PDB file of all heavy atoms in Angstrom:
ATOM      1  N   ALA A   1     113.824 121.926 133.586  1.00  0.00           N
ATOM      2  CA  ALA A   1     114.814 122.841 133.457  1.00  0.00           C
ATOM      3  C   ALA A   1     116.240 122.366 133.190  1.00  0.00           C
ATOM      4  O   ALA A   1     117.065 122.847 132.541  1.00  0.00           O
ATOM      5  CB  ALA A   1     114.913 123.734 134.830  1.00  0.00           C
ATOM      6  N   ALA A   2     116.570 121.217 133.911  1.00  0.00           N
ATOM      7  CA  ALA A   2     117.840 120.577 133.632  1.00  0.00           C
ATOM      8  C   ALA A   2     117.822 119.990 132.211  1.00  0.00           C
ATOM      9  O   ALA A   2     118.958 119.985 131.499  1.00  0.00           O
ATOM     10  CB  ALA A   2     117.976 119.305 134.624  1.00  0.00           C
ATOM     11  N   ALA A   3     116.812 119.544 131.717  1.00  0.00           N
ATOM     12  CA  ALA A   3     116.661 119.030 130.373  1.00  0.00           C
ATOM     13  C   ALA A   3     116.950 119.989 129.251  1.00  0.00           C
ATOM     14  O   ALA A   3     117.660 119.854 128.269  1.00  0.00           O
ATOM     15  CB  ALA A   3     115.366 118.301 130.058  1.00  0.00           C
ATOM     16  N   VAL A   4     116.508 121.259 129.566  1.00  0.00           N
ATOM     17  CA  VAL A   4     116.728 122.382 128.683  1.00  0.00           C
ATOM     18  C   VAL A   4     118.275 122.648 128.616  1.00  0.00           C
ATOM     19  O   VAL A   4     118.910 122.764 127.470  1.00  0.00           O
ATOM     20  CB  VAL A   4     116.108 123.622 129.228  1.00  0.00           C
ATOM     21  CG1 VAL A   4     116.534 124.902 128.300  1.00  0.00           C
ATOM     22  CG2 VAL A   4     114.613 123.577 129.124  1.00  0.00           C
ATOM     23  N   ALA A   5     118.969 122.637 129.782  1.00  0.00           N
ATOM     24  CA  ALA A   5     120.418 122.700 129.801  1.00  0.00           C
ATOM     25  C   ALA A   5     121.039 121.532 128.994  1.00  0.00           C
ATOM     26  O   ALA A   5     122.118 121.847 128.379  1.00  0.00           O
ATOM     27  CB  ALA A   5     120.957 122.765 131.232  1.00  0.00           C
ATOM     28  N   ALA A   6     120.583 120.350 129.140  1.00  0.00           N
ATOM     29  CA  ALA A   6     121.197 119.245 128.570  1.00  0.00           C
ATOM     30  C   ALA A   6     121.128 119.467 127.050  1.00  0.00           C
ATOM     31  O   ALA A   6     122.096 119.239 126.228  1.00  0.00           O
ATOM     32  CB  ALA A   6     120.483 118.073 128.836  1.00  0.00           C
ATOM     33  N   LEU A   7     119.915 119.800 126.488  1.00  0.00           N
ATOM     34  CA  LEU A   7     119.669 119.853 125.049  1.00  0.00           C
ATOM     35  C   LEU A   7     120.436 121.114 124.365  1.00  0.00           C
ATOM     36  O   LEU A   7     120.787 121.067 123.191  1.00  0.00           O
ATOM     37  CB  LEU A   7     118.332 119.856 124.791  1.00  0.00           C
ATOM     38  CG  LEU A   7     117.495 118.477 125.089  1.00  0.00           C
ATOM     39  CD1 LEU A   7     116.091 118.611 124.797  1.00  0.00           C
ATOM     40  CD2 LEU A   7     118.124 117.380 124.368  1.00  0.00           C
ATOM     41  N   GLU A   8     120.374 122.274 125.227  1.00  0.00           N
ATOM     42  CA  GLU A   8     120.864 123.378 124.599  1.00  0.00           C
ATOM     43  C   GLU A   8     122.462 123.654 124.868  1.00  0.00           C
ATOM     44  O   GLU A   8     123.192 124.514 124.172  1.00  0.00           O
ATOM     45  CB  GLU A   8     120.107 124.668 125.199  1.00  0.00           C
ATOM     46  CG  GLU A   8     118.747 124.618 124.713  1.00  0.00           C
ATOM     47  CD  GLU A   8     118.079 125.931 125.125  1.00  0.00           C
ATOM     48  OE1 GLU A   8     118.345 126.701 126.131  1.00  0.00           O
ATOM     49  OE2 GLU A   8     116.957 126.242 124.555  1.00  0.00           O
ATOM     50  N   GLY A   9     122.904 122.931 125.823  1.00  0.00           N
ATOM     51  CA  GLY A   9     124.337 123.197 126.347  1.00  0.00           C
ATOM     52  C   GLY A   9     125.223 122.387 125.445  1.00  0.00           C
ATOM     53  O   GLY A   9     124.985 121.826 124.537  1.00  0.00           O
ATOM     54  N   ALA A  10     126.645 122.560 125.846  1.00  0.00           N
ATOM     55  CA  ALA A  10     127.665 121.977 124.986  1.00  0.00           C
ATOM     56  C   ALA A  10     127.447 120.412 124.965  1.00  0.00           C
ATOM     57  O   ALA A  10     127.145 119.748 125.988  1.00  0.00           O
ATOM     58  CB  ALA A  10     129.090 122.231 125.569  1.00  0.00           C
ATOM     59  N   GLN A  11     127.712 119.877 123.810  1.00  0.00           N
ATOM     60  CA  GLN A  11     127.612 118.499 123.528  1.00  0.00           C
ATOM     61  C   GLN A  11     128.869 117.749 123.353  1.00  0.00           C
ATOM     62  O   GLN A  11     128.965 116.555 123.132  1.00  0.00           O
ATOM     63  CB  GLN A  11     126.629 118.204 122.272  1.00  0.00           C
ATOM     64  CG  GLN A  11     125.446 118.973 122.277  1.00  0.00           C
ATOM     65  CD  GLN A  11     124.411 118.399 123.368  1.00  0.00           C
ATOM     66  OE1 GLN A  11     124.083 117.189 123.320  1.00  0.00           O
ATOM     67  NE2 GLN A  11     123.849 119.351 124.050  1.00  0.00           N
ATOM     68  N   ASP A  12     130.060 118.463 123.539  1.00  0.00           N
ATOM     69  CA  ASP A  12     131.293 117.941 123.220  1.00  0.00           C
ATOM     70  C   ASP A  12     131.781 116.705 124.185  1.00  0.00           C
ATOM     71  O   ASP A  12     132.532 115.890 123.873  1.00  0.00           O
ATOM     72  CB  ASP A  12     132.405 118.973 123.170  1.00  0.00           C
ATOM     73  CG  ASP A  12     132.421 119.768 124.542  1.00  0.00           C
ATOM     74  OD1 ASP A  12     131.468 119.647 125.298  1.00  0.00           O
ATOM     75  OD2 ASP A  12     133.417 120.620 124.517  1.00  0.00           O
ATOM     76  N   PHE A  13     131.174 116.673 125.407  1.00  0.00           N
ATOM     77  CA  PHE A  13     131.487 115.759 126.425  1.00  0.00           C
ATOM     78  C   PHE A  13     131.007 114.189 125.966  1.00  0.00           C
ATOM     79  O   PHE A  13     131.516 113.284 126.309  1.00  0.00           O
ATOM     80  CB  PHE A  13     130.807 115.981 127.814  1.00  0.00           C
ATOM     81  CG  PHE A  13     129.365 115.719 127.749  1.00  0.00           C
ATOM     82  CD1 PHE A  13     128.672 114.699 128.090  1.00  0.00           C
ATOM     83  CD2 PHE A  13     128.601 116.918 127.449  1.00  0.00           C
ATOM     84  CE1 PHE A  13     127.367 114.621 128.043  1.00  0.00           C
ATOM     85  CE2 PHE A  13     127.142 116.834 127.334  1.00  0.00           C
ATOM     86  CZ  PHE A  13     126.519 115.689 127.840  1.00  0.00           C
ATOM     87  N   LEU A  14     130.059 114.268 124.990  1.00  0.00           N
ATOM     88  CA  LEU A  14     129.586 113.053 124.456  1.00  0.00           C
ATOM     89  C   LEU A  14     130.660 112.072 123.830  1.00  0.00           C
ATOM     90  O   LEU A  14     130.618 110.899 123.948  1.00  0.00           O
ATOM     91  CB  LEU A  14     128.423 113.191 123.536  1.00  0.00           C
ATOM     92  CG  LEU A  14     127.058 113.747 124.155  1.00  0.00           C
ATOM     93  CD1 LEU A  14     126.153 114.161 122.965  1.00  0.00           C
ATOM     94  CD2 LEU A  14     126.465 112.701 124.978  1.00  0.00           C
ATOM     95  N   GLY A  15     131.580 112.781 123.185  1.00  0.00           N
ATOM     96  CA  GLY A  15     132.590 112.112 122.485  1.00  0.00           C
ATOM     97  C   GLY A  15     133.441 111.225 123.305  1.00  0.00           C
ATOM     98  O   GLY A  15     133.733 110.162 123.038  1.00  0.00           O
ATOM     99  N   GLU A  16     133.909 112.001 124.483  1.00  0.00           N
ATOM    100  CA  GLU A  16     134.656 111.127 125.517  1.00  0.00           C
ATOM    101  C   GLU A  16     133.962 109.925 125.999  1.00  0.00           C
ATOM    102  O   GLU A  16     134.394 109.000 126.350  1.00  0.00           O
ATOM    103  CB  GLU A  16     135.033 112.109 126.584  1.00  0.00           C
ATOM    104  CG  GLU A  16     135.857 111.402 127.673  1.00  0.00           C
ATOM    105  CD  GLU A  16     136.352 112.410 128.799  1.00  0.00           C
ATOM    106  OE1 GLU A  16     136.170 113.622 128.610  1.00  0.00           O
ATOM    107  OE2 GLU A  16     136.798 112.067 129.840  1.00  0.00           O
ATOM    108  N   ARG A  17     132.694 110.235 126.311  1.00  0.00           N
ATOM    109  CA  ARG A  17     131.768 109.089 126.965  1.00  0.00           C
ATOM    110  C   ARG A  17     131.632 107.933 125.893  1.00  0.00           C
ATOM    111  O   ARG A  17     131.695 106.778 126.315  1.00  0.00           O
ATOM    112  CB  ARG A  17     130.541 109.650 127.342  1.00  0.00           C
ATOM    113  CG  ARG A  17     130.522 110.642 128.584  1.00  0.00           C
ATOM    114  CD  ARG A  17     129.270 111.088 129.029  1.00  0.00           C
ATOM    115  NE  ARG A  17     129.553 111.879 130.244  1.00  0.00           N
ATOM    116  CZ  ARG A  17     128.697 112.206 131.223  1.00  0.00           C
ATOM    117  NH1 ARG A  17     127.507 111.591 131.095  1.00  0.00           N
ATOM    118  NH2 ARG A  17     128.888 112.891 132.364  1.00  0.00           N
ATOM    119  N   ILE A  18     131.382 108.239 124.678  1.00  0.00           N
ATOM    120  CA  ILE A  18     131.272 107.189 123.624  1.00  0.00           C
ATOM    121  C   ILE A  18     132.563 106.446 123.535  1.00  0.00           C
ATOM    122  O   ILE A  18     132.592 105.202 123.440  1.00  0.00           O
ATOM    123  CB  ILE A  18     130.783 107.777 122.378  1.00  0.00           C
ATOM    124  CG1 ILE A  18     129.338 108.366 122.548  1.00  0.00           C
ATOM    125  CG2 ILE A  18     130.869 106.782 121.194  1.00  0.00           C
ATOM    126  CD1 ILE A  18     129.070 109.201 121.420  1.00  0.00           C
ATOM    127  N   ALA A  19     133.757 107.185 123.652  1.00  0.00           N
ATOM    128  CA  ALA A  19     134.996 106.403 123.612  1.00  0.00           C
ATOM    129  C   ALA A  19     135.169 105.513 124.779  1.00  0.00           C
ATOM    130  O   ALA A  19     135.741 104.342 124.552  1.00  0.00           O
ATOM    131  CB  ALA A  19     136.084 107.567 123.616  1.00  0.00           C
ATOM    132  N   GLN A  20     134.709 105.833 125.951  1.00  0.00           N
ATOM    133  CA  GLN A  20     134.720 104.970 127.103  1.00  0.00           C
ATOM    134  C   GLN A  20     133.850 103.668 126.810  1.00  0.00           C
ATOM    135  O   GLN A  20     134.334 102.536 127.110  1.00  0.00           O
ATOM    136  CB  GLN A  20     134.213 105.735 128.366  1.00  0.00           C
ATOM    137  CG  GLN A  20     135.247 106.734 128.851  1.00  0.00           C
ATOM    138  CD  GLN A  20     134.676 107.373 130.157  1.00  0.00           C
ATOM    139  OE1 GLN A  20     133.418 107.352 130.372  1.00  0.00           O
ATOM    140  NE2 GLN A  20     135.477 108.065 130.868  1.00  0.00           N
ATOM    141  N   PHE A  21     132.573 103.969 126.258  1.00  0.00           N
ATOM    142  CA  PHE A  21     131.826 102.759 126.070  1.00  0.00           C
ATOM    143  C   PHE A  21     132.367 101.836 124.918  1.00  0.00           C
ATOM    144  O   PHE A  21     132.271 100.664 125.055  1.00  0.00           O
ATOM    145  CB  PHE A  21     130.407 103.237 125.557  1.00  0.00           C
ATOM    146  CG  PHE A  21     129.436 103.907 126.745  1.00  0.00           C
ATOM    147  CD1 PHE A  21     128.722 105.024 126.493  1.00  0.00           C
ATOM    148  CD2 PHE A  21     129.441 103.108 127.811  1.00  0.00           C
ATOM    149  CE1 PHE A  21     127.940 105.418 127.493  1.00  0.00           C
ATOM    150  CE2 PHE A  21     128.443 103.439 128.840  1.00  0.00           C
ATOM    151  CZ  PHE A  21     127.845 104.735 128.618  1.00  0.00           C
ATOM    152  N   ARG A  22     133.030 102.552 123.882  1.00  0.00           N
ATOM    153  CA  ARG A  22     133.730 101.729 122.819  1.00  0.00           C
ATOM    154  C   ARG A  22     134.709 100.836 123.424  1.00  0.00           C
ATOM    155  O   ARG A  22     134.883  99.585 123.083  1.00  0.00           O
ATOM    156  CB  ARG A  22     134.180 102.668 121.740  1.00  0.00           C
ATOM    157  CG  ARG A  22     134.813 101.864 120.577  1.00  0.00           C
ATOM    158  CD  ARG A  22     135.528 102.868 119.556  1.00  0.00           C
ATOM    159  NE  ARG A  22     134.483 103.673 118.886  1.00  0.00           N
ATOM    160  CZ  ARG A  22     134.253 104.915 118.951  1.00  0.00           C
ATOM    161  NH1 ARG A  22     135.077 105.617 120.030  1.00  0.00           N
ATOM    162  NH2 ARG A  22     133.495 105.670 118.466  1.00  0.00           N
ATOM    163  N   ALA A  23     135.664 101.340 124.390  1.00  0.00           N
ATOM    164  CA  ALA A  23     136.624 100.604 124.932  1.00  0.00           C
ATOM    165  C   ALA A  23     136.160  99.441 125.710  1.00  0.00           C
ATOM    166  O   ALA A  23     136.506  98.333 125.728  1.00  0.00           O
ATOM    167  CB  ALA A  23     137.581 101.543 125.746  1.00  0.00           C
ATOM    168  N   ARG A  24     135.040  99.712 126.391  1.00  0.00           N
ATOM    169  CA  ARG A  24     134.466  98.597 127.208  1.00  0.00           C
ATOM    170  C   ARG A  24     133.808  97.468 126.309  1.00  0.00           C
ATOM    171  O   ARG A  24     134.046  96.275 126.608  1.00  0.00           O
ATOM    172  CB  ARG A  24     133.327  99.144 128.116  1.00  0.00           C
ATOM    173  CG  ARG A  24     133.848 100.213 129.236  1.00  0.00           C
ATOM    174  CD  ARG A  24     132.718 100.838 129.925  1.00  0.00           C
ATOM    175  NE  ARG A  24     133.229 101.819 130.760  1.00  0.00           N
ATOM    176  CZ  ARG A  24     132.426 102.592 131.516  1.00  0.00           C
ATOM    177  NH1 ARG A  24     131.078 102.503 131.433  1.00  0.00           N
ATOM    178  NH2 ARG A  24     132.891 103.581 132.342  1.00  0.00           N
ATOM    179  N   ARG A  25     133.202  98.033 125.269  1.00  0.00           N
ATOM    180  CA  ARG A  25     132.550  97.108 124.308  1.00  0.00           C
ATOM    181  C   ARG A  25     133.546  96.264 123.593  1.00  0.00           C
ATOM    182  O   ARG A  25     133.518  94.953 123.583  1.00  0.00           O
ATOM    183  CB  ARG A  25     131.865  97.781 123.264  1.00  0.00           C
ATOM    184  CG  ARG A  25     131.215  97.008 122.106  1.00  0.00           C
ATOM    185  CD  ARG A  25     130.991  97.794 120.778  1.00  0.00           C
ATOM    186  NE  ARG A  25     132.193  98.295 120.244  1.00  0.00           N
ATOM    187  CZ  ARG A  25     132.245  98.549 118.992  1.00  0.00           C
ATOM    188  NH1 ARG A  25     131.119  98.556 118.211  1.00  0.00           N
ATOM    189  NH2 ARG A  25     133.364  99.094 118.376  1.00  0.00           N
ATOM    190  N   ASN A  26     134.702  96.820 123.282  1.00  0.00           N
ATOM    191  CA  ASN A  26     135.808  96.171 122.617  1.00  0.00           C
ATOM    192  C   ASN A  26     136.521  95.106 123.494  1.00  0.00           C
ATOM    193  O   ASN A  26     137.118  94.145 123.142  1.00  0.00           O
ATOM    194  CB  ASN A  26     136.787  97.132 121.978  1.00  0.00           C
ATOM    195  CG  ASN A  26     136.224  97.930 120.868  1.00  0.00           C
ATOM    196  OD1 ASN A  26     135.191  97.451 120.290  1.00  0.00           O
ATOM    197  ND2 ASN A  26     136.959  98.894 120.485  1.00  0.00           N
ATOM    198  N   TYR A  27     136.354  95.336 124.961  1.00  0.00           N
ATOM    199  CA  TYR A  27     136.856  94.303 125.762  1.00  0.00           C
ATOM    200  C   TYR A  27     135.716  93.178 126.129  1.00  0.00           C
ATOM    201  O   TYR A  27     136.091  91.899 125.938  1.00  0.00           O
ATOM    202  CB  TYR A  27     137.168  94.881 127.227  1.00  0.00           C
ATOM    203  CG  TYR A  27     137.453  93.837 128.230  1.00  0.00           C
ATOM    204  CD1 TYR A  27     138.569  93.109 128.355  1.00  0.00           C
ATOM    205  CD2 TYR A  27     136.281  93.685 129.190  1.00  0.00           C
ATOM    206  CE1 TYR A  27     138.564  92.075 129.206  1.00  0.00           C
ATOM    207  CE2 TYR A  27     136.466  92.667 130.246  1.00  0.00           C
ATOM    208  CZ  TYR A  27     137.652  91.848 130.218  1.00  0.00           C
ATOM    209  OH  TYR A  27     137.722  90.945 131.094  1.00  0.00           O
ATOM    210  N   ILE A  28     134.589  93.618 126.387  1.00  0.00           N
ATOM    211  CA  ILE A  28     133.538  92.627 126.884  1.00  0.00           C
ATOM    212  C   ILE A  28     133.041  91.610 125.864  1.00  0.00           C
ATOM    213  O   ILE A  28     132.834  90.490 126.144  1.00  0.00           O
ATOM    214  CB  ILE A  28     132.495  93.323 127.696  1.00  0.00           C
ATOM    215  CG1 ILE A  28     131.546  92.339 128.469  1.00  0.00           C
ATOM    216  CG2 ILE A  28     131.461  94.040 126.639  1.00  0.00           C
ATOM    217  CD1 ILE A  28     132.264  91.875 129.640  1.00  0.00           C
ATOM    218  N   VAL A  29     132.886  92.142 124.578  1.00  0.00           N
ATOM    219  CA  VAL A  29     132.259  91.242 123.582  1.00  0.00           C
ATOM    220  C   VAL A  29     133.200  90.201 123.227  1.00  0.00           C
ATOM    221  O   VAL A  29     132.842  88.897 123.228  1.00  0.00           O
ATOM    222  CB  VAL A  29     131.889  92.178 122.286  1.00  0.00           C
ATOM    223  CG1 VAL A  29     131.521  91.247 121.113  1.00  0.00           C
ATOM    224  CG2 VAL A  29     130.835  93.081 122.732  1.00  0.00           C
ATOM    225  N   PRO A  30     134.618  90.481 122.932  1.00  0.00           N
ATOM    226  CA  PRO A  30     135.372  89.238 122.689  1.00  0.00           C
ATOM    227  C   PRO A  30     135.500  88.250 123.927  1.00  0.00           C
ATOM    228  O   PRO A  30     135.599  87.034 123.713  1.00  0.00           O
ATOM    229  CB  PRO A  30     136.819  89.827 122.263  1.00  0.00           C
ATOM    230  CG  PRO A  30     136.426  91.240 121.889  1.00  0.00           C
ATOM    231  CD  PRO A  30     135.251  91.560 122.708  1.00  0.00           C
ATOM    232  N   ALA A  31     135.449  88.724 125.069  1.00  0.00           N
ATOM    233  CA  ALA A  31     135.537  87.932 126.330  1.00  0.00           C
ATOM    234  C   ALA A  31     134.357  87.119 126.388  1.00  0.00           C
ATOM    235  O   ALA A  31     134.495  85.868 126.716  1.00  0.00           O
ATOM    236  CB  ALA A  31     135.782  88.848 127.490  1.00  0.00           C
ATOM    237  N   LEU A  32     133.323  87.628 126.127  1.00  0.00           N
ATOM    238  CA  LEU A  32     131.969  86.760 126.101  1.00  0.00           C
ATOM    239  C   LEU A  32     132.019  85.827 125.055  1.00  0.00           C
ATOM    240  O   LEU A  32     131.554  84.631 125.186  1.00  0.00           O
ATOM    241  CB  LEU A  32     130.810  87.640 125.965  1.00  0.00           C
ATOM    242  CG  LEU A  32     130.382  88.555 127.205  1.00  0.00           C
ATOM    243  CD1 LEU A  32     129.231  89.534 126.812  1.00  0.00           C
ATOM    244  CD2 LEU A  32     129.915  87.735 128.314  1.00  0.00           C
ATOM    245  N   ASP A  33     132.471  86.263 123.842  1.00  0.00           N
ATOM    246  CA  ASP A  33     132.447  85.298 122.702  1.00  0.00           C
ATOM    247  C   ASP A  33     133.425  84.166 122.941  1.00  0.00           C
ATOM    248  O   ASP A  33     133.285  83.032 122.406  1.00  0.00           O
ATOM    249  CB  ASP A  33     132.893  86.089 121.469  1.00  0.00           C
ATOM    250  CG  ASP A  33     132.577  85.286 120.199  1.00  0.00           C
ATOM    251  OD1 ASP A  33     131.312  85.003 119.913  1.00  0.00           O
ATOM    252  OD2 ASP A  33     133.485  85.105 119.392  1.00  0.00           O
ATOM    253  N   ALA A  34     134.441  84.385 123.771  1.00  0.00           N
ATOM    254  CA  ALA A  34     135.443  83.358 124.012  1.00  0.00           C
ATOM    255  C   ALA A  34     134.930  82.189 125.096  1.00  0.00           C
ATOM    256  O   ALA A  34     135.514  81.234 125.212  1.00  0.00           O
ATOM    257  CB  ALA A  34     136.737  83.939 124.543  1.00  0.00           C
ATOM    258  N   LEU A  35     133.952  82.571 125.682  1.00  0.00           N
ATOM    259  CA  LEU A  35     133.445  81.572 126.746  1.00  0.00           C
ATOM    260  C   LEU A  35     132.884  80.269 125.898  1.00  0.00           C
ATOM    261  O   LEU A  35     132.197  80.314 124.991  1.00  0.00           O
ATOM    262  CB  LEU A  35     132.120  82.136 127.438  1.00  0.00           C
ATOM    263  CG  LEU A  35     132.357  83.320 128.484  1.00  0.00           C
ATOM    264  CD1 LEU A  35     131.168  83.829 129.012  1.00  0.00           C
ATOM    265  CD2 LEU A  35     133.399  82.922 129.574  1.00  0.00           C
ATOM    266  N   ASP A  36     133.172  79.217 126.522  1.00  0.00           N
ATOM    267  CA  ASP A  36     132.722  77.993 125.989  1.00  0.00           C
ATOM    268  C   ASP A  36     131.332  77.771 125.916  1.00  0.00           C
ATOM    269  O   ASP A  36     130.569  78.065 126.885  1.00  0.00           O
ATOM    270  CB  ASP A  36     133.263  76.755 126.676  1.00  0.00           C
ATOM    271  CG  ASP A  36     133.045  75.420 126.059  1.00  0.00           C
ATOM    272  OD1 ASP A  36     132.750  75.225 124.848  1.00  0.00           O
ATOM    273  OD2 ASP A  36     132.617  74.470 126.984  1.00  0.00           O
ATOM    274  N   GLY A  37     130.650  77.606 124.687  1.00  0.00           N
ATOM    275  CA  GLY A  37     129.216  77.629 124.591  1.00  0.00           C
ATOM    276  C   GLY A  37     128.389  78.911 124.350  1.00  0.00           C
ATOM    277  O   GLY A  37     127.187  78.827 124.235  1.00  0.00           O
ATOM    278  N   VAL A  38     129.184  79.956 124.315  1.00  0.00           N
ATOM    279  CA  VAL A  38     128.571  81.306 124.158  1.00  0.00           C
ATOM    280  C   VAL A  38     129.088  81.921 122.789  1.00  0.00           C
ATOM    281  O   VAL A  38     130.337  81.744 122.447  1.00  0.00           O
ATOM    282  CB  VAL A  38     129.021  82.216 125.312  1.00  0.00           C
ATOM    283  CG1 VAL A  38     128.423  83.614 125.090  1.00  0.00           C
ATOM    284  CG2 VAL A  38     128.387  81.556 126.516  1.00  0.00           C
TER     285      VAL A  38
END
């Protein structure tokens, strides 16, 4: 029943969540890449 609501309900919240993930990605990847040997 919850999955029905997820798939049929509003999807606009996904944009904000993806923006949060993008900001985290843009921080963590350069930080890892800067580690010596990584």
